[in-house]
Structure formats: structure tokens, C-alpha cells
Amino acid sequence: MNVLLIGYGAISREIIKHIGADEPARISAVLVRPARLAETRAALPDDIQVVTDLDDLLMVPDLAAECAGHQAVAQYGVEILRRGIDLVVISIGCLSDPALYAELSQAAVDGQAKLLLPAGAVAGADALAAARVGGLSRVTYTSRKPPGAWKGTPAELEHDLASMTEETILLDGKADEAARLYPQNANVAATIALAGAGFDKTDVRLIADPAANGNIHQLHAEGAFGEFDVEIRGKPLPDNPKTSTLAAHSVIHAIRNKAGAIEI
């Protein structure tokens, strides 16, 4: 199975590191911005094609995996799906935009392709989706990360992250607000909302905590099924403190599920 990666950053490097030559899936190409072309070509082996345009691909991929952020989904997602190529999206927060969500959904129908949403950095999305069948009465998600993980976000404008000495609530609202304001940090909020009660019925709290020794995700759900609590204490990717290692590995799992004979 030929796989196209969109973007060449920390997540793509992690994927390439783990997808072995003996697997049914093969990373065949990487799509990058023109400014990254020479740098990416130099970093990758010759058997992985590096392109800046989908029309330059030497093969039609069986699967594309987005690893480049919200803008990449908006730029390439519709065209990829209309071409009949299944698309894994890890920057799920972009789907808080109803117009983009509708466009991607229609493109998937038109191209007879699938938009695949991995669980990312949180556990329990499968249980949440199952619980939705009987009805959910309450879903809350709390993200707790070290102050440095919130650099480059609105938090940096409102707080002195470098000198923070106690936990600080950065946002206390709904999932759509979290995904819109903190696109690199709150993709999990969007995943939980889509799997469960929806963006406007999922309560989200984002916290900068100097005592946190990793990215901590807490999910609580109540409904007709009963209730459950899930906590993940994830390690960030070494190259990107905003991204959990588990998020990158969930893309690898999605690729292997697509390529394998058994899906779990």
C-alpha cells in the first residue's frame, strides 16, 4: 500500500522511523511546501518521492496521512478525497470549522473515499463513540501541559510562561473554542467532541502547569451506559513539545490498520 505523507515535521519523521520495509504499507511520497523541498529531499532516501504538488506524484497513493497542521487539511484535503484517496487527519481541530467539515464530508462522498480520524493523544475515543449510541449527558476534557508547551499560542500573550510557578487555567469553555484558539494543542478536544457529544456540548479546560512532567489528558463521560474516566500521561515528541508521542503513533496505527488484513 502506497502512503503519501503531507508535511515533513516531527510526526512524519516518527512515522518513517517506524514503518518498516517488511510491512504491507510503504511510505512512497512526501508532500511539502516549496520552501521545504530541497531540505526534505536531502533528508529522505531516494525511494521516497518529495513533491510540492499532487500532480507531480509518480503513483496514485492508496492513503494520504496529514501531518502538517490545520492549513494543510484545508489546502489539500478536499482534492485528495475527491481523487478517491482515503485521508488520515491528525489535526482534527480543523474540523471545528463547520464549512470545512461539510466540504471534506462531501468530497469523501464524491470520491468514494474515507476521512479517517485517529484517536491521537487520548484513549477512550472508541468507548465514547459507543456510549453516544445510548446518549451522553456529560463529557469533559482537561489538558494539562508544562508552560513551555503553550508557547506560540494565545496563552503567551496573556501570561509570562517562562516565569510561571503555579498552575494556570488558560481556557475554560467548549471544544470548538479550544480547537479554534489552540489548534496545535487542542486537537484532542476536537477528537473527543466528534466521537462524543459534539463541539458545543463538550466542556474543555486547558491548563499550564509547571509541575506537569508531560502532556496529561483527562476525559470524563457520563450517559446511559454509566460513566468512565480516562487519564493519559503522555510524553511529547522530542522535536515538538506541543505534540504527544501517542498522537504520532496513532497515525502509524491508522496506516497499519488500513494496510493489514485485521483491523482493531
Protein backbone atom coordinates (compact mmCIF):
# COMPACT_ATOMS: atom_id res chain seq x y z
CA MET A 1 0.00 0.00 0.00
CA ASN A 2 1.48 3.32 -1.09
CA VAL A 3 1.22 6.08 1.51
CA LEU A 4 1.62 9.81 0.95
CA LEU A 5 2.63 11.92 3.97
CA ILE A 6 1.58 15.57 3.95
CA GLY A 7 4.29 17.57 5.67
CA TYR A 8 7.72 16.64 6.92
CA GLY A 9 7.95 17.52 10.58
CA ALA A 10 8.17 15.66 13.86
CA ILE A 11 5.17 13.41 13.21
CA SER A 12 6.25 12.44 9.68
CA ARG A 13 9.75 11.63 10.88
CA GLU A 14 8.30 9.40 13.60
CA ILE A 15 6.12 7.59 11.05
CA ILE A 16 9.00 6.99 8.65
CA LYS A 17 11.11 5.69 11.54
CA HIS A 18 8.53 3.05 12.49
CA ILE A 19 7.03 1.88 9.18
CA GLY A 20 9.45 -0.89 8.20
CA ALA A 21 10.37 -2.21 4.76
CA ASP A 22 8.75 -5.58 5.56
CA GLU A 23 5.30 -4.07 6.19
CA PRO A 24 2.39 -4.03 3.71
CA ALA A 25 2.35 -0.23 3.96
CA ARG A 26 5.12 1.78 2.33
CA ILE A 27 5.85 5.50 2.66
CA SER A 28 6.17 6.31 -1.03
CA ALA A 29 5.98 10.10 -1.11
CA VAL A 30 6.02 13.26 1.00
CA LEU A 31 4.21 16.47 0.06
CA VAL A 32 5.79 19.70 1.35
CA ARG A 33 5.73 23.44 0.76
CA PRO A 34 8.11 24.68 -1.98
CA ALA A 35 10.34 26.32 0.64
CA ARG A 36 10.91 22.91 2.28
CA LEU A 37 11.57 20.95 -0.92
CA ALA A 38 15.39 20.93 -1.01
CA GLU A 39 15.72 20.38 2.73
CA THR A 40 13.27 17.45 2.72
CA ARG A 41 14.81 15.79 -0.33
CA ALA A 42 18.20 15.91 1.33
CA ALA A 43 16.82 14.28 4.49
CA LEU A 44 14.98 11.37 2.84
CA PRO A 45 16.17 8.32 0.91
CA ASP A 46 15.82 8.28 -2.87
CA ASP A 47 12.95 5.77 -2.83
CA ILE A 48 10.66 8.33 -1.17
CA GLN A 49 9.48 10.91 -3.69
CA VAL A 50 9.27 14.52 -2.43
CA VAL A 51 6.79 16.80 -4.21
CA THR A 52 5.17 20.20 -3.80
CA ASP A 53 2.08 19.41 -5.89
CA LEU A 54 -0.22 16.39 -6.00
CA ASP A 55 0.02 16.34 -9.81
CA ASP A 56 3.76 15.63 -9.56
CA LEU A 57 3.26 12.25 -7.88
CA LEU A 58 4.63 9.29 -9.84
CA MET A 59 1.96 6.99 -8.38
CA VAL A 60 -1.57 7.28 -7.02
CA PRO A 61 -1.36 6.73 -3.25
CA ASP A 62 -3.75 4.35 -1.58
CA LEU A 63 -3.73 6.51 1.54
CA ALA A 64 -2.66 10.03 2.46
CA ALA A 65 -1.78 11.00 6.03
CA GLU A 66 -1.85 14.65 7.06
CA CYS A 67 0.96 15.56 9.46
CA ALA A 68 1.25 19.29 8.78
CA GLY A 69 -1.48 21.17 10.66
CA HIS A 70 -4.87 22.73 10.04
CA GLN A 71 -3.82 24.73 6.97
CA ALA A 72 -2.68 21.58 5.18
CA VAL A 73 -6.07 19.94 5.70
CA ALA A 74 -7.82 22.97 4.26
CA GLN A 75 -5.38 23.19 1.33
CA TYR A 76 -5.22 19.55 0.24
CA GLY A 77 -7.97 17.59 1.97
CA VAL A 78 -10.83 18.16 -0.44
CA GLU A 79 -8.75 17.44 -3.55
CA ILE A 80 -7.28 14.25 -2.08
CA LEU A 81 -10.68 12.87 -1.12
CA ARG A 82 -12.23 13.79 -4.48
CA ARG A 83 -9.46 11.82 -6.16
CA GLY A 84 -10.68 8.75 -4.28
CA ILE A 85 -7.75 8.64 -1.86
CA ASP A 86 -8.52 7.89 1.79
CA LEU A 87 -7.18 10.60 4.10
CA VAL A 88 -5.96 10.31 7.69
CA VAL A 89 -6.25 13.64 9.51
CA ILE A 90 -4.38 14.11 12.79
CA SER A 91 -5.04 17.89 13.01
CA ILE A 92 -8.63 17.12 13.92
CA GLY A 93 -9.17 20.54 15.48
CA CYS A 94 -9.67 21.97 11.99
CA LEU A 95 -12.97 20.10 11.83
CA SER A 96 -14.40 22.53 14.37
CA ASP A 97 -14.95 24.72 11.27
CA PRO A 98 -18.42 23.59 10.08
CA ALA A 99 -17.79 24.74 6.50
CA LEU A 100 -14.56 22.76 6.16
CA TYR A 101 -16.13 19.72 7.81
CA ALA A 102 -19.01 19.84 5.30
CA GLU A 103 -16.61 20.27 2.36
CA LEU A 104 -14.47 17.32 3.39
CA SER A 105 -17.51 15.13 4.03
CA GLN A 106 -18.95 15.89 0.60
CA ALA A 107 -15.57 15.37 -1.08
CA ALA A 108 -15.33 11.93 0.56
CA VAL A 109 -18.78 11.04 -0.78
CA ASP A 110 -17.95 12.35 -4.26
CA GLY A 111 -14.65 10.47 -4.40
CA GLN A 112 -15.96 7.34 -2.65
CA ALA A 113 -13.12 7.79 -0.17
CA LYS A 114 -12.94 7.89 3.62
CA LEU A 115 -11.86 10.61 6.01
CA LEU A 116 -10.11 8.72 8.81
CA LEU A 117 -9.76 10.30 12.25
CA PRO A 118 -7.28 8.55 14.57
CA ALA A 119 -7.67 8.86 18.34
CA GLY A 120 -4.48 10.91 18.61
CA ALA A 121 -3.09 11.54 22.07
CA VAL A 122 -6.12 10.38 24.08
CA ALA A 123 -7.56 6.98 24.96
CA GLY A 124 -11.26 6.26 25.16
CA ALA A 125 -12.49 7.72 21.86
CA ASP A 126 -13.81 4.30 20.85
CA ALA A 127 -15.71 3.90 24.12
CA LEU A 128 -17.04 7.44 23.80
CA ALA A 129 -18.36 6.78 20.30
CA ALA A 130 -20.06 3.61 21.53
CA ALA A 131 -21.53 5.43 24.53
CA ARG A 132 -23.03 8.05 22.21
CA VAL A 133 -25.41 5.40 20.84
CA GLY A 134 -27.33 5.30 24.12
CA GLY A 135 -26.92 9.02 24.80
CA LEU A 136 -24.32 11.12 26.62
CA SER A 137 -25.27 13.53 29.38
CA ARG A 138 -21.83 14.95 30.19
CA VAL A 139 -18.39 14.97 28.58
CA THR A 140 -15.44 16.90 30.00
CA TYR A 141 -11.84 17.07 28.83
CA THR A 142 -8.90 18.60 30.69
CA SER A 143 -5.49 19.14 29.09
CA ARG A 144 -2.59 19.82 31.44
CA LYS A 145 0.82 20.62 29.95
CA PRO A 146 4.05 22.35 31.04
CA PRO A 147 4.11 26.10 30.33
CA GLY A 148 6.64 25.65 27.52
CA ALA A 149 4.15 23.55 25.56
CA TRP A 150 1.88 26.61 25.28
CA LYS A 151 4.42 28.83 23.52
CA GLY A 152 3.16 30.29 20.28
CA THR A 153 -0.47 30.27 21.49
CA PRO A 154 -2.79 32.97 22.88
CA ALA A 155 -1.55 31.96 26.35
CA GLU A 156 1.81 33.55 25.57
CA LEU A 157 0.10 36.92 25.09
CA GLU A 158 -1.74 36.76 28.41
CA HIS A 159 0.77 35.03 30.71
CA ASP A 160 4.50 35.01 31.38
CA LEU A 161 5.01 31.32 30.63
CA ALA A 162 8.74 31.36 31.37
CA SER A 163 8.27 32.50 34.97
CA MET A 164 5.04 30.66 35.75
CA THR A 165 5.22 29.00 39.19
CA GLU A 166 1.72 27.58 39.68
CA GLU A 167 -0.93 26.00 37.54
CA THR A 168 -2.93 28.46 35.47
CA ILE A 169 -6.20 27.91 33.63
CA LEU A 170 -5.76 29.14 30.08
CA LEU A 171 -9.24 28.31 28.82
CA ASP A 172 -12.45 27.07 30.39
CA GLY A 173 -15.05 26.68 27.67
CA LYS A 174 -16.28 24.43 24.88
CA ALA A 175 -14.40 22.20 22.45
CA ASP A 176 -14.93 24.43 19.40
CA GLU A 177 -13.36 27.41 21.18
CA ALA A 178 -10.40 25.31 22.35
CA ALA A 179 -9.74 23.87 18.90
CA ARG A 180 -10.00 27.29 17.25
CA LEU A 181 -7.77 29.21 19.68
CA TYR A 182 -5.23 26.44 20.39
CA PRO A 183 -5.02 24.48 17.11
CA GLN A 184 -1.65 22.89 17.86
CA ASN A 185 -2.55 21.91 21.42
CA ALA A 186 -6.24 21.07 21.43
CA ASN A 187 -6.75 18.56 18.63
CA VAL A 188 -7.70 16.06 21.34
CA ALA A 189 -10.63 18.29 22.31
CA ALA A 190 -11.93 18.06 18.75
CA THR A 191 -11.46 14.28 18.65
CA ILE A 192 -13.46 13.89 21.85
CA ALA A 193 -16.19 16.22 20.57
CA LEU A 194 -16.55 14.38 17.26
CA ALA A 195 -16.56 10.97 18.91
CA GLY A 196 -18.98 12.00 21.62
CA ALA A 197 -21.43 14.80 22.39
CA GLY A 198 -20.39 17.40 19.80
CA PHE A 199 -18.36 20.60 19.94
CA ASP A 200 -20.96 22.70 21.75
CA LYS A 201 -21.66 20.06 24.42
CA THR A 202 -18.09 19.10 25.31
CA ASP A 203 -16.56 21.06 28.20
CA VAL A 204 -12.84 21.76 27.89
CA ARG A 205 -10.28 23.11 30.32
CA LEU A 206 -6.71 23.89 29.20
CA ILE A 207 -4.11 24.26 31.97
CA ALA A 208 -0.45 25.32 32.04
CA ASP A 209 1.18 23.53 34.97
CA PRO A 210 4.87 23.89 35.89
CA ALA A 211 4.61 20.65 37.87
CA ALA A 212 3.44 18.62 34.87
CA ASN A 213 6.17 16.31 33.62
CA GLY A 214 4.41 15.60 30.33
CA ASN A 215 1.15 16.12 28.47
CA ILE A 216 -1.72 14.97 30.71
CA HIS A 217 -5.13 14.29 29.15
CA GLN A 218 -8.18 13.59 31.33
CA LEU A 219 -11.52 12.50 29.89
CA HIS A 220 -14.74 12.05 31.85
CA ALA A 221 -18.01 10.88 30.32
CA GLU A 222 -21.46 10.13 31.70
CA GLY A 223 -24.53 8.74 29.96
CA ALA A 224 -26.97 5.90 29.63
CA PHE A 225 -24.06 3.44 29.58
CA GLY A 226 -22.80 4.58 33.01
CA GLU A 227 -19.64 6.67 33.37
CA PHE A 228 -15.91 6.40 32.84
CA ASP A 229 -12.69 8.29 33.48
CA VAL A 230 -9.54 8.04 31.39
CA GLU A 231 -6.18 9.68 32.09
CA ILE A 232 -3.17 9.64 29.80
CA ARG A 233 0.21 10.94 30.96
CA GLY A 234 1.89 11.21 27.62
CA LYS A 235 5.43 12.13 26.65
CA PRO A 236 5.80 14.80 23.97
CA LEU A 237 7.72 14.17 20.78
CA PRO A 238 11.34 15.28 21.32
CA ASP A 239 11.18 17.53 18.25
CA ASN A 240 7.84 19.14 19.11
CA PRO A 241 6.67 19.66 22.73
CA LYS A 242 3.17 20.59 21.51
CA THR A 243 2.63 17.09 20.08
CA SER A 244 2.28 13.91 22.12
CA THR A 245 4.21 10.84 21.02
CA LEU A 246 0.95 8.89 21.18
CA ALA A 247 -0.57 11.21 18.55
CA ALA A 248 2.17 10.31 16.07
CA HIS A 249 1.86 6.63 16.93
CA SER A 250 -1.91 6.77 16.39
CA VAL A 251 -1.24 7.77 12.77
CA ILE A 252 1.09 4.79 12.42
CA HIS A 253 -1.67 2.57 13.86
CA ALA A 254 -4.18 4.03 11.36
CA ILE A 255 -1.80 3.28 8.46
CA ARG A 256 -1.23 -0.28 9.67
CA ASN A 257 -4.98 -0.81 10.17
CA LYS A 258 -5.63 0.32 6.61
CA ALA A 259 -2.91 -1.92 5.17
CA GLY A 260 -3.43 -5.01 7.32
CA ALA A 261 -5.83 -7.91 6.99
CA ILE A 262 -7.19 -7.35 10.51
CA GLU A 263 -8.40 -4.01 11.86
CA ILE A 264 -8.57 -3.28 15.59
